[in-house]
Amino acid sequence: MIDDVQFLEYVVKALVSHPDDVKIKRTVDEMGVLMTLDVHSDDMGKVIGRAGNTAKAIRILLRVVGMKHNARVNLKINEPTTDFTRRTGDSTPPSRDLDEAIEDLNLE
């Protein structure tokens, strides 16, 4: 019997160009099951689809899989990390002082 993580992984990896970058986190609380999906930034459009239709379809299928196990399953698709985060592992961009920021805006 296939579980929700295996199902989501199978479907998403079939859609994307970077299947090794697909990461799924499953958490359970009083609201049900939350599946959190991370994909490569180049693959976001493929996972979301035109007008979000692909993401909607995946969510519907996950709910069907959840119903077989008497669980409410929701899917959250995380925005891909920026290039800075991917390079350094730090989610905060390098800080700049006020003079540099004003200089970049060309407000003078």
PDB file of N, CA and C in Angstrom:
ATOM      1  N   MET A   1       0.847  -1.176   0.000  1.00  0.00           N
ATOM      2  CA  MET A   1       0.000   0.000   0.000  1.00  0.00           C
ATOM      3  C   MET A   1       0.893   1.240   0.000  1.00  0.00           C
ATOM      4  N   ILE A   2       0.577   2.183  -0.862  1.00  0.00           N
ATOM      5  CA  ILE A   2       1.387   3.400  -0.991  1.00  0.00           C
ATOM      6  C   ILE A   2       0.930   4.431   0.038  1.00  0.00           C
ATOM      7  N   ASP A   3       1.899   5.105   0.661  1.00  0.00           N
ATOM      8  CA  ASP A   3       1.525   6.153   1.614  1.00  0.00           C
ATOM      9  C   ASP A   3       1.625   7.520   0.950  1.00  0.00           C
ATOM     10  N   ASP A   4       1.221   8.549   1.678  1.00  0.00           N
ATOM     11  CA  ASP A   4       1.133   9.885   1.093  1.00  0.00           C
ATOM     12  C   ASP A   4       2.488  10.449   0.681  1.00  0.00           C
ATOM     13  N   VAL A   5       3.535  10.185   1.451  1.00  0.00           N
ATOM     14  CA  VAL A   5       4.858  10.711   1.102  1.00  0.00           C
ATOM     15  C   VAL A   5       5.367  10.058  -0.174  1.00  0.00           C
ATOM     16  N   GLN A   6       5.234   8.742  -0.261  1.00  0.00           N
ATOM     17  CA  GLN A   6       5.674   8.037  -1.466  1.00  0.00           C
ATOM     18  C   GLN A   6       4.900   8.509  -2.689  1.00  0.00           C
ATOM     19  N   PHE A   7       3.597   8.710  -2.521  1.00  0.00           N
ATOM     20  CA  PHE A   7       2.769   9.160  -3.621  1.00  0.00           C
ATOM     21  C   PHE A   7       3.203  10.541  -4.107  1.00  0.00           C
ATOM     22  N   LEU A   8       3.352  11.481  -3.170  1.00  0.00           N
ATOM     23  CA  LEU A   8       3.751  12.841  -3.538  1.00  0.00           C
ATOM     24  C   LEU A   8       5.127  12.838  -4.197  1.00  0.00           C
ATOM     25  N   GLU A   9       6.038  12.081  -3.636  1.00  0.00           N
ATOM     26  CA  GLU A   9       7.392  12.009  -4.198  1.00  0.00           C
ATOM     27  C   GLU A   9       7.350  11.463  -5.630  1.00  0.00           C
ATOM     28  N   TYR A  10       6.578  10.416  -5.859  1.00  0.00           N
ATOM     29  CA  TYR A  10       6.467   9.816  -7.182  1.00  0.00           C
ATOM     30  C   TYR A  10       5.913  10.819  -8.194  1.00  0.00           C
ATOM     31  N   VAL A  11       4.843  11.506  -7.835  1.00  0.00           N
ATOM     32  CA  VAL A  11       4.199  12.447  -8.754  1.00  0.00           C
ATOM     33  C   VAL A  11       5.112  13.629  -9.052  1.00  0.00           C
ATOM     34  N   VAL A  12       5.683  14.226  -8.008  1.00  0.00           N
ATOM     35  CA  VAL A  12       6.498  15.431  -8.208  1.00  0.00           C
ATOM     36  C   VAL A  12       7.778  15.105  -8.969  1.00  0.00           C
ATOM     37  N   LYS A  13       8.434  14.010  -8.627  1.00  0.00           N
ATOM     38  CA  LYS A  13       9.679  13.653  -9.325  1.00  0.00           C
ATOM     39  C   LYS A  13       9.435  13.356 -10.802  1.00  0.00           C
ATOM     40  N   ALA A  14       8.235  12.910 -11.143  1.00  0.00           N
ATOM     41  CA  ALA A  14       7.904  12.674 -12.545  1.00  0.00           C
ATOM     42  C   ALA A  14       7.715  13.988 -13.306  1.00  0.00           C
ATOM     43  N   LEU A  15       7.410  15.073 -12.598  1.00  0.00           N
ATOM     44  CA  LEU A  15       7.157  16.364 -13.237  1.00  0.00           C
ATOM     45  C   LEU A  15       8.418  17.209 -13.421  1.00  0.00           C
ATOM     46  N   VAL A  16       9.364  17.111 -12.506  1.00  0.00           N
ATOM     47  CA  VAL A  16      10.465  18.073 -12.433  1.00  0.00           C
ATOM     48  C   VAL A  16      11.699  17.635 -13.220  1.00  0.00           C
ATOM     49  N   SER A  17      12.573  18.600 -13.470  1.00  0.00           N
ATOM     50  CA  SER A  17      13.843  18.332 -14.143  1.00  0.00           C
ATOM     51  C   SER A  17      14.966  18.005 -13.170  1.00  0.00           C
ATOM     52  N   HIS A  18      14.781  18.373 -11.906  1.00  0.00           N
ATOM     53  CA  HIS A  18      15.797  18.128 -10.867  1.00  0.00           C
ATOM     54  C   HIS A  18      15.193  17.263  -9.758  1.00  0.00           C
ATOM     55  N   PRO A  19      14.960  15.976 -10.020  1.00  0.00           N
ATOM     56  CA  PRO A  19      14.297  15.130  -9.023  1.00  0.00           C
ATOM     57  C   PRO A  19      15.099  14.945  -7.734  1.00  0.00           C
ATOM     58  N   ASP A  20      16.412  15.101  -7.810  1.00  0.00           N
ATOM     59  CA  ASP A  20      17.227  14.951  -6.598  1.00  0.00           C
ATOM     60  C   ASP A  20      17.017  16.095  -5.617  1.00  0.00           C
ATOM     61  N   ASP A  21      16.471  17.219  -6.080  1.00  0.00           N
ATOM     62  CA  ASP A  21      16.239  18.375  -5.222  1.00  0.00           C
ATOM     63  C   ASP A  21      14.854  18.381  -4.580  1.00  0.00           C
ATOM     64  N   VAL A  22      14.052  17.352  -4.845  1.00  0.00           N
ATOM     65  CA  VAL A  22      12.718  17.262  -4.256  1.00  0.00           C
ATOM     66  C   VAL A  22      12.849  16.825  -2.798  1.00  0.00           C
ATOM     67  N   LYS A  23      12.310  17.649  -1.901  1.00  0.00           N
ATOM     68  CA  LYS A  23      12.342  17.354  -0.467  1.00  0.00           C
ATOM     69  C   LYS A  23      10.913  17.447   0.070  1.00  0.00           C
ATOM     70  N   ILE A  24      10.517  16.443   0.828  1.00  0.00           N
ATOM     71  CA  ILE A  24       9.174  16.406   1.393  1.00  0.00           C
ATOM     72  C   ILE A  24       9.277  16.222   2.899  1.00  0.00           C
ATOM     73  N   LYS A  25       8.565  17.071   3.619  1.00  0.00           N
ATOM     74  CA  LYS A  25       8.509  16.960   5.081  1.00  0.00           C
ATOM     75  C   LYS A  25       7.055  16.724   5.466  1.00  0.00           C
ATOM     76  N   ARG A  26       6.826  15.747   6.316  1.00  0.00           N
ATOM     77  CA  ARG A  26       5.467  15.390   6.735  1.00  0.00           C
ATOM     78  C   ARG A  26       5.319  15.646   8.225  1.00  0.00           C
ATOM     79  N   THR A  27       4.316  16.443   8.593  1.00  0.00           N
ATOM     80  CA  THR A  27       4.031  16.694  10.003  1.00  0.00           C
ATOM     81  C   THR A  27       2.564  16.401  10.268  1.00  0.00           C
ATOM     82  N   VAL A  28       2.297  15.931  11.476  1.00  0.00           N
ATOM     83  CA  VAL A  28       0.926  15.602  11.871  1.00  0.00           C
ATOM     84  C   VAL A  28       0.580  16.409  13.114  1.00  0.00           C
ATOM     85  N   ASP A  29      -0.594  17.031  13.106  1.00  0.00           N
ATOM     86  CA  ASP A  29      -1.088  17.740  14.290  1.00  0.00           C
ATOM     87  C   ASP A  29      -2.590  17.542  14.376  1.00  0.00           C
ATOM     88  N   GLU A  30      -3.244  18.326  15.221  1.00  0.00           N
ATOM     89  CA  GLU A  30      -4.682  18.152  15.408  1.00  0.00           C
ATOM     90  C   GLU A  30      -5.496  18.511  14.166  1.00  0.00           C
ATOM     91  N   MET A  31      -4.910  19.272  13.256  1.00  0.00           N
ATOM     92  CA  MET A  31      -5.602  19.658  12.027  1.00  0.00           C
ATOM     93  C   MET A  31      -5.472  18.591  10.941  1.00  0.00           C
ATOM     94  N   GLY A  32      -4.561  17.664  11.095  1.00  0.00           N
ATOM     95  CA  GLY A  32      -4.360  16.625  10.093  1.00  0.00           C
ATOM     96  C   GLY A  32      -2.896  16.516   9.708  1.00  0.00           C
ATOM     97  N   VAL A  33      -2.663  16.140   8.470  1.00  0.00           N
ATOM     98  CA  VAL A  33      -1.308  15.930   7.955  1.00  0.00           C
ATOM     99  C   VAL A  33      -0.940  17.119   7.078  1.00  0.00           C
ATOM    100  N   LEU A  34       0.241  17.666   7.309  1.00  0.00           N
ATOM    101  CA  LEU A  34       0.751  18.741   6.460  1.00  0.00           C
ATOM    102  C   LEU A  34       1.988  18.230   5.736  1.00  0.00           C
ATOM    103  N   MET A  35       1.930  18.243   4.427  1.00  0.00           N
ATOM    104  CA  MET A  35       3.062  17.859   3.593  1.00  0.00           C
ATOM    105  C   MET A  35       3.687  19.157   3.081  1.00  0.00           C
ATOM    106  N   THR A  36       4.964  19.329   3.354  1.00  0.00           N
ATOM    107  CA  THR A  36       5.680  20.512   2.905  1.00  0.00           C
ATOM    108  C   THR A  36       6.645  20.099   1.807  1.00  0.00           C
ATOM    109  N   LEU A  37       6.549  20.756   0.662  1.00  0.00           N
ATOM    110  CA  LEU A  37       7.311  20.382  -0.518  1.00  0.00           C
ATOM    111  C   LEU A  37       8.312  21.463  -0.878  1.00  0.00           C
ATOM    112  N   ASP A  38       9.557  21.045  -1.094  1.00  0.00           N
ATOM    113  CA  ASP A  38      10.611  21.930  -1.595  1.00  0.00           C
ATOM    114  C   ASP A  38      11.111  21.356  -2.905  1.00  0.00           C
ATOM    115  N   VAL A  39      11.220  22.219  -3.926  1.00  0.00           N
ATOM    116  CA  VAL A  39      11.758  21.802  -5.219  1.00  0.00           C
ATOM    117  C   VAL A  39      12.778  22.828  -5.689  1.00  0.00           C
ATOM    118  N   HIS A  40      13.539  22.474  -6.689  1.00  0.00           N
ATOM    119  CA  HIS A  40      14.517  23.379  -7.295  1.00  0.00           C
ATOM    120  C   HIS A  40      13.774  24.580  -7.874  1.00  0.00           C
ATOM    121  N   SER A  41      14.395  25.735  -7.835  1.00  0.00           N
ATOM    122  CA  SER A  41      13.721  26.961  -8.297  1.00  0.00           C
ATOM    123  C   SER A  41      13.314  26.871  -9.767  1.00  0.00           C
ATOM    124  N   ASP A  42      14.077  26.159 -10.585  1.00  0.00           N
ATOM    125  CA  ASP A  42      13.729  26.016 -12.000  1.00  0.00           C
ATOM    126  C   ASP A  42      12.476  25.169 -12.208  1.00  0.00           C
ATOM    127  N   ASP A  43      12.099  24.379 -11.210  1.00  0.00           N
ATOM    128  CA  ASP A  43      10.967  23.463 -11.337  1.00  0.00           C
ATOM    129  C   ASP A  43       9.668  23.991 -10.733  1.00  0.00           C
ATOM    130  N   MET A  44       9.685  25.167 -10.145  1.00  0.00           N
ATOM    131  CA  MET A  44       8.486  25.689  -9.489  1.00  0.00           C
ATOM    132  C   MET A  44       7.315  25.812 -10.466  1.00  0.00           C
ATOM    133  N   GLY A  45       7.575  26.296 -11.652  1.00  0.00           N
ATOM    134  CA  GLY A  45       6.513  26.460 -12.636  1.00  0.00           C
ATOM    135  C   GLY A  45       5.874  25.145 -13.027  1.00  0.00           C
ATOM    136  N   LYS A  46       6.681  24.087 -13.077  1.00  0.00           N
ATOM    137  CA  LYS A  46       6.148  22.774 -13.440  1.00  0.00           C
ATOM    138  C   LYS A  46       5.268  22.215 -12.333  1.00  0.00           C
ATOM    139  N   VAL A  47       5.641  22.468 -11.092  1.00  0.00           N
ATOM    140  CA  VAL A  47       4.871  21.940  -9.959  1.00  0.00           C
ATOM    141  C   VAL A  47       3.583  22.737  -9.762  1.00  0.00           C
ATOM    142  N   ILE A  48       3.652  24.041  -9.951  1.00  0.00           N
ATOM    143  CA  ILE A  48       2.464  24.881  -9.759  1.00  0.00           C
ATOM    144  C   ILE A  48       1.549  24.816 -10.979  1.00  0.00           C
ATOM    145  N   GLY A  49       2.117  24.881 -12.167  1.00  0.00           N
ATOM    146  CA  GLY A  49       1.316  24.797 -13.383  1.00  0.00           C
ATOM    147  C   GLY A  49       0.632  26.102 -13.728  1.00  0.00           C
ATOM    148  N   ARG A  50       0.038  26.132 -14.889  1.00  0.00           N
ATOM    149  CA  ARG A  50      -0.645  27.331 -15.351  1.00  0.00           C
ATOM    150  C   ARG A  50      -1.846  27.607 -14.454  1.00  0.00           C
ATOM    151  N   ALA A  51      -1.902  28.805 -13.914  1.00  0.00           N
ATOM    152  CA  ALA A  51      -2.971  29.250 -13.007  1.00  0.00           C
ATOM    153  C   ALA A  51      -3.094  28.346 -11.778  1.00  0.00           C
ATOM    154  N   GLY A  52      -2.010  27.653 -11.448  1.00  0.00           N
ATOM    155  CA  GLY A  52      -2.008  26.812 -10.254  1.00  0.00           C
ATOM    156  C   GLY A  52      -2.740  25.496 -10.417  1.00  0.00           C
ATOM    157  N   ASN A  53      -3.064  25.129 -11.642  1.00  0.00           N
ATOM    158  CA  ASN A  53      -3.870  23.933 -11.869  1.00  0.00           C
ATOM    159  C   ASN A  53      -3.150  22.641 -11.503  1.00  0.00           C
ATOM    160  N   THR A  54      -1.852  22.559 -11.748  1.00  0.00           N
ATOM    161  CA  THR A  54      -1.115  21.346 -11.398  1.00  0.00           C
ATOM    162  C   THR A  54      -1.072  21.174  -9.889  1.00  0.00           C
ATOM    163  N   ALA A  55      -0.783  22.259  -9.170  1.00  0.00           N
ATOM    164  CA  ALA A  55      -0.750  22.195  -7.706  1.00  0.00           C
ATOM    165  C   ALA A  55      -2.121  21.809  -7.146  1.00  0.00           C
ATOM    166  N   LYS A  56      -3.180  22.358  -7.723  1.00  0.00           N
ATOM    167  CA  LYS A  56      -4.540  22.016  -7.283  1.00  0.00           C
ATOM    168  C   LYS A  56      -4.813  20.530  -7.477  1.00  0.00           C
ATOM    169  N   ALA A  57      -4.404  20.013  -8.638  1.00  0.00           N
ATOM    170  CA  ALA A  57      -4.627  18.593  -8.927  1.00  0.00           C
ATOM    171  C   ALA A  57      -3.853  17.705  -7.957  1.00  0.00           C
ATOM    172  N   ILE A  58      -2.612  18.073  -7.656  1.00  0.00           N
ATOM    173  CA  ILE A  58      -1.815  17.293  -6.704  1.00  0.00           C
ATOM    174  C   ILE A  58      -2.478  17.320  -5.334  1.00  0.00           C
ATOM    175  N   ARG A  59      -2.977  18.475  -4.922  1.00  0.00           N
ATOM    176  CA  ARG A  59      -3.649  18.588  -3.613  1.00  0.00           C
ATOM    177  C   ARG A  59      -4.903  17.714  -3.557  1.00  0.00           C
ATOM    178  N   ILE A  60      -5.662  17.697  -4.634  1.00  0.00           N
ATOM    179  CA  ILE A  60      -6.872  16.865  -4.673  1.00  0.00           C
ATOM    180  C   ILE A  60      -6.500  15.387  -4.563  1.00  0.00           C
ATOM    181  N   LEU A  61      -5.488  14.973  -5.303  1.00  0.00           N
ATOM    182  CA  LEU A  61      -5.066  13.571  -5.242  1.00  0.00           C
ATOM    183  C   LEU A  61      -4.545  13.205  -3.856  1.00  0.00           C
ATOM    184  N   LEU A  62      -3.823  14.132  -3.219  1.00  0.00           N
ATOM    185  CA  LEU A  62      -3.342  13.864  -1.853  1.00  0.00           C
ATOM    186  C   LEU A  62      -4.497  13.712  -0.878  1.00  0.00           C
ATOM    187  N   ARG A  63      -5.545  14.500  -1.066  1.00  0.00           N
ATOM    188  CA  ARG A  63      -6.719  14.369  -0.189  1.00  0.00           C
ATOM    189  C   ARG A  63      -7.380  13.011  -0.359  1.00  0.00           C
ATOM    190  N   VAL A  64      -7.399  12.503  -1.602  1.00  0.00           N
ATOM    191  CA  VAL A  64      -7.963  11.187  -1.859  1.00  0.00           C
ATOM    192  C   VAL A  64      -7.124  10.111  -1.173  1.00  0.00           C
ATOM    193  N   VAL A  65      -5.804  10.221  -1.288  1.00  0.00           N
ATOM    194  CA  VAL A  65      -4.921   9.274  -0.600  1.00  0.00           C
ATOM    195  C   VAL A  65      -5.151   9.356   0.906  1.00  0.00           C
ATOM    196  N   GLY A  66      -5.304  10.570   1.427  1.00  0.00           N
ATOM    197  CA  GLY A  66      -5.557  10.749   2.856  1.00  0.00           C
ATOM    198  C   GLY A  66      -6.873  10.148   3.298  1.00  0.00           C
ATOM    199  N   MET A  67      -7.896  10.249   2.458  1.00  0.00           N
ATOM    200  CA  MET A  67      -9.200   9.683   2.811  1.00  0.00           C
ATOM    201  C   MET A  67      -9.122   8.172   2.991  1.00  0.00           C
ATOM    202  N   LYS A  68      -8.250   7.527   2.238  1.00  0.00           N
ATOM    203  CA  LYS A  68      -8.092   6.078   2.380  1.00  0.00           C
ATOM    204  C   LYS A  68      -7.543   5.710   3.752  1.00  0.00           C
ATOM    205  N   HIS A  69      -6.847   6.676   4.375  1.00  0.00           N
ATOM    206  CA  HIS A  69      -6.254   6.448   5.698  1.00  0.00           C
ATOM    207  C   HIS A  69      -6.958   7.259   6.785  1.00  0.00           C
ATOM    208  N   ASN A  70      -8.147   7.766   6.469  1.00  0.00           N
ATOM    209  CA  ASN A  70      -8.919   8.588   7.405  1.00  0.00           C
ATOM    210  C   ASN A  70      -8.119   9.768   7.945  1.00  0.00           C
ATOM    211  N   ALA A  71      -7.410  10.443   7.057  1.00  0.00           N
ATOM    212  CA  ALA A  71      -6.603  11.600   7.453  1.00  0.00           C
ATOM    213  C   ALA A  71      -6.871  12.755   6.496  1.00  0.00           C
ATOM    214  N   ARG A  72      -6.802  13.954   7.031  1.00  0.00           N
ATOM    215  CA  ARG A  72      -6.917  15.153   6.202  1.00  0.00           C
ATOM    216  C   ARG A  72      -5.503  15.567   5.815  1.00  0.00           C
ATOM    217  N   VAL A  73      -5.207  15.572   4.526  1.00  0.00           N
ATOM    218  CA  VAL A  73      -3.861  15.872   4.044  1.00  0.00           C
ATOM    219  C   VAL A  73      -3.873  17.209   3.317  1.00  0.00           C
ATOM    220  N   ASN A  74      -2.959  18.093   3.703  1.00  0.00           N
ATOM    221  CA  ASN A  74      -2.782  19.383   3.040  1.00  0.00           C
ATOM    222  C   ASN A  74      -1.368  19.480   2.507  1.00  0.00           C
ATOM    223  N   LEU A  75      -1.197  20.250   1.438  1.00  0.00           N
ATOM    224  CA  LEU A  75       0.112  20.427   0.815  1.00  0.00           C
ATOM    225  C   LEU A  75       0.502  21.890   0.840  1.00  0.00           C
ATOM    226  N   LYS A  76       1.715  22.142   1.311  1.00  0.00           N
ATOM    227  CA  LYS A  76       2.293  23.481   1.274  1.00  0.00           C
ATOM    228  C   LYS A  76       3.518  23.406   0.380  1.00  0.00           C
ATOM    229  N   ILE A  77       3.581  24.270  -0.622  1.00  0.00           N
ATOM    230  CA  ILE A  77       4.729  24.315  -1.523  1.00  0.00           C
ATOM    231  C   ILE A  77       5.552  25.523  -1.137  1.00  0.00           C
ATOM    232  N   ASN A  78       6.761  25.273  -0.654  1.00  0.00           N
ATOM    233  CA  ASN A  78       7.642  26.358  -0.238  1.00  0.00           C
ATOM    234  C   ASN A  78       8.240  27.064  -1.441  1.00  0.00           C
ATOM    235  N   GLU A  79       8.419  28.363  -1.310  1.00  0.00           N
ATOM    236  CA  GLU A  79       9.124  29.099  -2.339  1.00  0.00           C
ATOM    237  C   GLU A  79      10.573  28.655  -2.329  1.00  0.00           C
ATOM    238  N   PRO A  80      11.180  28.556  -3.504  1.00  0.00           N
ATOM    239  CA  PRO A  80      12.583  28.116  -3.525  1.00  0.00           C
ATOM    240  C   PRO A  80      13.482  29.145  -2.860  1.00  0.00           C
ATOM    241  N   THR A  81      14.575  28.656  -2.321  1.00  0.00           N
ATOM    242  CA  THR A  81      15.526  29.548  -1.668  1.00  0.00           C
ATOM    243  C   THR A  81      16.242  30.381  -2.715  1.00  0.00           C
ATOM    244  N   THR A  82      16.719  31.523  -2.300  1.00  0.00           N
ATOM    245  CA  THR A  82      17.457  32.387  -3.212  1.00  0.00           C
ATOM    246  C   THR A  82      18.831  31.796  -3.472  1.00  0.00           C
ATOM    247  N   ASP A  83      19.502  32.302  -4.496  1.00  0.00           N
ATOM    248  CA  ASP A  83      20.849  31.824  -4.794  1.00  0.00           C
ATOM    249  C   ASP A  83      21.777  32.066  -3.617  1.00  0.00           C
ATOM    250  N   PHE A  84      21.571  33.182  -2.898  1.00  0.00           N
ATOM    251  CA  PHE A  84      22.421  33.483  -1.747  1.00  0.00           C
ATOM    252  C   PHE A  84      22.283  32.401  -0.687  1.00  0.00           C
ATOM    253  N   THR A  85      21.057  32.017  -0.407  1.00  0.00           N
ATOM    254  CA  THR A  85      20.810  30.998   0.612  1.00  0.00           C
ATOM    255  C   THR A  85      21.398  29.668   0.182  1.00  0.00           C
ATOM    256  N   ARG A  86      21.247  29.323  -1.092  1.00  0.00           N
ATOM    257  CA  ARG A  86      21.757  28.054  -1.579  1.00  0.00           C
ATOM    258  C   ARG A  86      23.287  28.005  -1.467  1.00  0.00           C
ATOM    259  N   ARG A  87      23.953  29.140  -1.730  1.00  0.00           N
ATOM    260  CA  ARG A  87      25.416  29.171  -1.677  1.00  0.00           C
ATOM    261  C   ARG A  87      25.939  29.133  -0.254  1.00  0.00           C
ATOM    262  N   THR A  88      25.301  29.875   0.641  1.00  0.00           N
ATOM    263  CA  THR A  88      25.873  30.052   1.976  1.00  0.00           C
ATOM    264  C   THR A  88      25.174  29.250   3.064  1.00  0.00           C
ATOM    265  N   GLY A  89      23.935  28.858   2.836  1.00  0.00           N
ATOM    266  CA  GLY A  89      23.178  28.180   3.872  1.00  0.00           C
ATOM    267  C   GLY A  89      22.566  29.140   4.869  1.00  0.00           C
ATOM    268  N   ASP A  90      22.806  30.433   4.695  1.00  0.00           N
ATOM    269  CA  ASP A  90      22.277  31.452   5.593  1.00  0.00           C
ATOM    270  C   ASP A  90      21.138  32.172   4.876  1.00  0.00           C
ATOM    271  N   SER A  91      19.991  32.279   5.521  1.00  0.00           N
ATOM    272  CA  SER A  91      18.833  32.874   4.857  1.00  0.00           C
ATOM    273  C   SER A  91      18.821  34.395   4.905  1.00  0.00           C
ATOM    274  N   THR A  92      19.746  35.007   5.643  1.00  0.00           N
ATOM    275  CA  THR A  92      19.776  36.464   5.708  1.00  0.00           C
ATOM    276  C   THR A  92      20.827  36.991   4.735  1.00  0.00           C
ATOM    277  N   PRO A  93      20.431  37.887   3.838  1.00  0.00           N
ATOM    278  CA  PRO A  93      21.404  38.429   2.893  1.00  0.00           C
ATOM    279  C   PRO A  93      22.423  39.292   3.616  1.00  0.00           C
ATOM    280  N   PRO A  94      23.555  39.518   2.990  1.00  0.00           N
ATOM    281  CA  PRO A  94      24.572  40.329   3.649  1.00  0.00           C
ATOM    282  C   PRO A  94      24.045  41.732   3.916  1.00  0.00           C
ATOM    283  N   SER A  95      24.359  42.272   5.084  1.00  0.00           N
ATOM    284  CA  SER A  95      23.848  43.593   5.432  1.00  0.00           C
ATOM    285  C   SER A  95      24.697  44.669   4.771  1.00  0.00           C
ATOM    286  N   ARG A  96      24.040  45.794   4.494  1.00  0.00           N
ATOM    287  CA  ARG A  96      24.727  46.940   3.922  1.00  0.00           C
ATOM    288  C   ARG A  96      24.403  48.137   4.788  1.00  0.00           C
ATOM    289  N   ASP A  97      25.266  49.118   4.741  1.00  0.00           N
ATOM    290  CA  ASP A  97      24.958  50.287   5.537  1.00  0.00           C
ATOM    291  C   ASP A  97      24.036  51.216   4.743  1.00  0.00           C
ATOM    292  N   LEU A  98      23.512  52.199   5.424  1.00  0.00           N
ATOM    293  CA  LEU A  98      22.526  53.096   4.840  1.00  0.00           C
ATOM    294  C   LEU A  98      23.086  53.848   3.636  1.00  0.00           C
ATOM    295  N   ASP A  99      24.340  54.263   3.695  1.00  0.00           N
ATOM    296  CA  ASP A  99      24.932  55.004   2.579  1.00  0.00           C
ATOM    297  C   ASP A  99      24.964  54.162   1.308  1.00  0.00           C
ATOM    298  N   GLU A 100      25.307  52.878   1.438  1.00  0.00           N
ATOM    299  CA  GLU A 100      25.332  52.014   0.263  1.00  0.00           C
ATOM    300  C   GLU A 100      23.949  51.824  -0.320  1.00  0.00           C
ATOM    301  N   ALA A 101      22.939  51.687   0.552  1.00  0.00           N
ATOM    302  CA  ALA A 101      21.563  51.514   0.085  1.00  0.00           C
ATOM    303  C   ALA A 101      21.079  52.760  -0.643  1.00  0.00           C
ATOM    304  N   ILE A 102      21.368  53.936  -0.113  1.00  0.00           N
ATOM    305  CA  ILE A 102      20.956  55.192  -0.754  1.00  0.00           C
ATOM    306  C   ILE A 102      21.684  55.369  -2.070  1.00  0.00           C
ATOM    307  N   GLU A 103      22.946  55.016  -2.092  1.00  0.00           N
ATOM    308  CA  GLU A 103      23.734  55.103  -3.318  1.00  0.00           C
ATOM    309  C   GLU A 103      23.121  54.218  -4.420  1.00  0.00           C
ATOM    310  N   ASP A 104      22.656  53.030  -4.047  1.00  0.00           N
ATOM    311  CA  ASP A 104      22.030  52.126  -5.006  1.00  0.00           C
ATOM    312  C   ASP A 104      20.718  52.693  -5.558  1.00  0.00           C
ATOM    313  N   LEU A 105      20.025  53.475  -4.762  1.00  0.00           N
ATOM    314  CA  LEU A 105      18.752  54.038  -5.199  1.00  0.00           C
ATOM    315  C   LEU A 105      18.929  55.251  -6.115  1.00  0.00           C
ATOM    316  N   ASN A 106      20.131  55.823  -6.153  1.00  0.00           N
ATOM    317  CA  ASN A 106      20.422  56.997  -6.982  1.00  0.00           C
ATOM    318  C   ASN A 106      19.455  58.144  -6.685  1.00  0.00           C
ATOM    319  N   LEU A 107      19.252  58.427  -5.399  1.00  0.00           N
ATOM    320  CA  LEU A 107      18.336  59.494  -4.996  1.00  0.00           C
ATOM    321  C   LEU A 107      19.006  60.868  -4.955  1.00  0.00           C
ATOM    322  N   GLU A 108      20.260  60.910  -5.191  1.00  0.00           N
ATOM    323  CA  GLU A 108      20.980  62.191  -5.078  1.00  0.00           C
ATOM    324  C   GLU A 108      20.669  63.130  -6.189  1.00  0.00           C
TER     325      GLU A 108
END
